[in-house]
Structures are given as C-alpha cells and as structure tokens.
Amino acid sequence: MKDQVHIRNAEAAQLARTLARQTGKTISEVVLDALRHYRPRRRERAPQKQVELWRRLLREDRKRGMARPETPVAALYDEATGLPA
C-alpha cells in the first residue's frame, strides 16, 4: 500500500485503538470518520469598535511619547564576549 499513515503519537494511537474496540470498527475507519467530521474552528475577529479603541489608545500613547522603539536583540549582548550584558 502506498498511502499508509502511521500514528506516531502514543495518546492518539491509544484513543484510536480504544474507539475502534468500542465501536467495532477498524482503526482506519475510526480515523477516517474523525477526519470527515473535523471542522477547524474559525478565528474570531475583534469587533471593529475594539480595534478602533486600541488604535486610538496607541495614537494617544505615541503623542505622549510613551511608545518607545523596541530594543534590538543584539543590544542585550556584549560584543566582545557574546554573553548577555
């Protein structure tokens, strides 16, 4: 067989075996049934009012000078030794 799938996660394999035993199906049937019924969750978008609030607060922080640029990672290390400063 060319299209074989191997379950390399111990918990997933145990769950598949248990379900197969409980339902009288093969492991392949259990996995196929699960895949047919799987639907990924949709990511929820932030409400537009919330996004507008965040943007307004960020603009206000920038006007007050509160938003500072990020420190580059290289600045955290000593150039001579390469160790954290």
Protein backbone atom coordinates (compact mmCIF):
# COMPACT_ATOMS: atom_id res chain seq x y z
CA MET A 1 0.00 0.00 0.00
CA LYS A 2 1.35 3.38 -0.99
CA ASP A 3 -0.88 5.71 1.05
CA GLN A 4 -0.35 4.49 4.61
CA VAL A 5 -0.49 6.81 7.59
CA HIS A 6 1.28 5.99 10.82
CA ILE A 7 0.11 7.36 14.16
CA ARG A 8 3.29 8.38 15.96
CA ASN A 9 1.63 9.94 18.99
CA ALA A 10 1.05 7.45 21.81
CA GLU A 11 -2.10 9.14 23.11
CA ALA A 12 -3.64 9.42 19.63
CA ALA A 13 -2.86 5.77 18.90
CA GLN A 14 -4.37 4.66 22.21
CA LEU A 15 -7.51 6.72 21.63
CA ALA A 16 -7.89 5.32 18.11
CA ARG A 17 -7.46 1.73 19.37
CA THR A 18 -9.95 2.28 22.20
CA LEU A 19 -12.52 3.84 19.90
CA ALA A 20 -12.09 1.05 17.36
CA ARG A 21 -12.59 -1.57 20.07
CA GLN A 22 -15.67 0.22 21.48
CA THR A 23 -17.33 0.74 18.10
CA GLY A 24 -16.32 -2.49 16.40
CA LYS A 25 -14.66 -0.51 13.60
CA THR A 26 -11.09 -0.71 12.37
CA ILE A 27 -8.60 1.98 13.39
CA SER A 28 -8.62 3.20 9.79
CA GLU A 29 -12.41 3.58 9.88
CA VAL A 30 -12.26 5.45 13.18
CA VAL A 31 -9.60 7.86 11.88
CA LEU A 32 -11.41 8.36 8.57
CA ASP A 33 -14.70 9.07 10.35
CA ALA A 34 -12.98 11.58 12.66
CA LEU A 35 -11.33 13.35 9.72
CA ARG A 36 -14.62 13.52 7.81
CA HIS A 37 -16.30 15.19 10.78
CA TYR A 38 -13.45 17.51 11.74
CA ARG A 39 -14.03 21.19 11.14
CA PRO A 40 -11.39 23.67 12.28
CA ARG A 41 -12.62 26.47 14.48
CA ARG A 42 -12.85 29.87 12.91
CA ARG A 43 -10.69 32.53 14.41
CA GLU A 44 -12.85 35.21 15.90
CA ARG A 45 -12.15 38.71 14.75
CA ALA A 46 -12.04 41.53 17.22
CA PRO A 47 -15.13 43.75 16.96
CA GLN A 48 -14.47 46.91 14.94
CA LYS A 49 -15.20 49.12 17.98
CA GLN A 50 -12.49 47.30 19.95
CA VAL A 51 -9.94 47.74 17.14
CA GLU A 52 -10.77 51.45 16.89
CA LEU A 53 -10.29 51.82 20.66
CA TRP A 54 -6.89 50.10 20.55
CA ARG A 55 -5.76 52.32 17.67
CA ARG A 56 -6.94 55.48 19.48
CA LEU A 57 -5.11 54.46 22.67
CA LEU A 58 -1.95 53.70 20.72
CA ARG A 59 -2.08 57.10 18.98
CA GLU A 60 -2.51 58.83 22.35
CA ASP A 61 0.45 56.93 23.81
CA ARG A 62 2.61 57.91 20.85
CA LYS A 63 1.65 61.59 21.25
CA ARG A 64 2.69 61.44 24.92
CA GLY A 65 5.98 59.76 23.99
CA MET A 66 5.09 56.55 25.79
CA ALA A 67 5.62 54.24 22.84
CA ARG A 68 9.35 53.58 22.50
CA PRO A 69 11.05 51.59 19.77
CA GLU A 70 11.95 48.01 20.65
CA THR A 71 15.46 47.25 21.86
CA PRO A 72 17.31 45.18 19.26
CA VAL A 73 18.35 41.73 20.48
CA ALA A 74 21.99 42.48 19.67
CA ALA A 75 21.95 45.30 22.25
CA LEU A 76 21.36 42.76 25.01
CA TYR A 77 24.73 41.05 24.39
CA ASP A 78 28.32 42.17 24.90
CA GLU A 79 30.01 42.45 21.50
CA ALA A 80 33.40 41.28 22.78
CA THR A 81 32.25 38.16 24.63
CA GLY A 82 28.88 37.39 23.03
CA LEU A 83 27.47 36.93 26.54
CA PRO A 84 24.41 38.73 27.91
CA ALA A 85 25.26 42.24 29.02
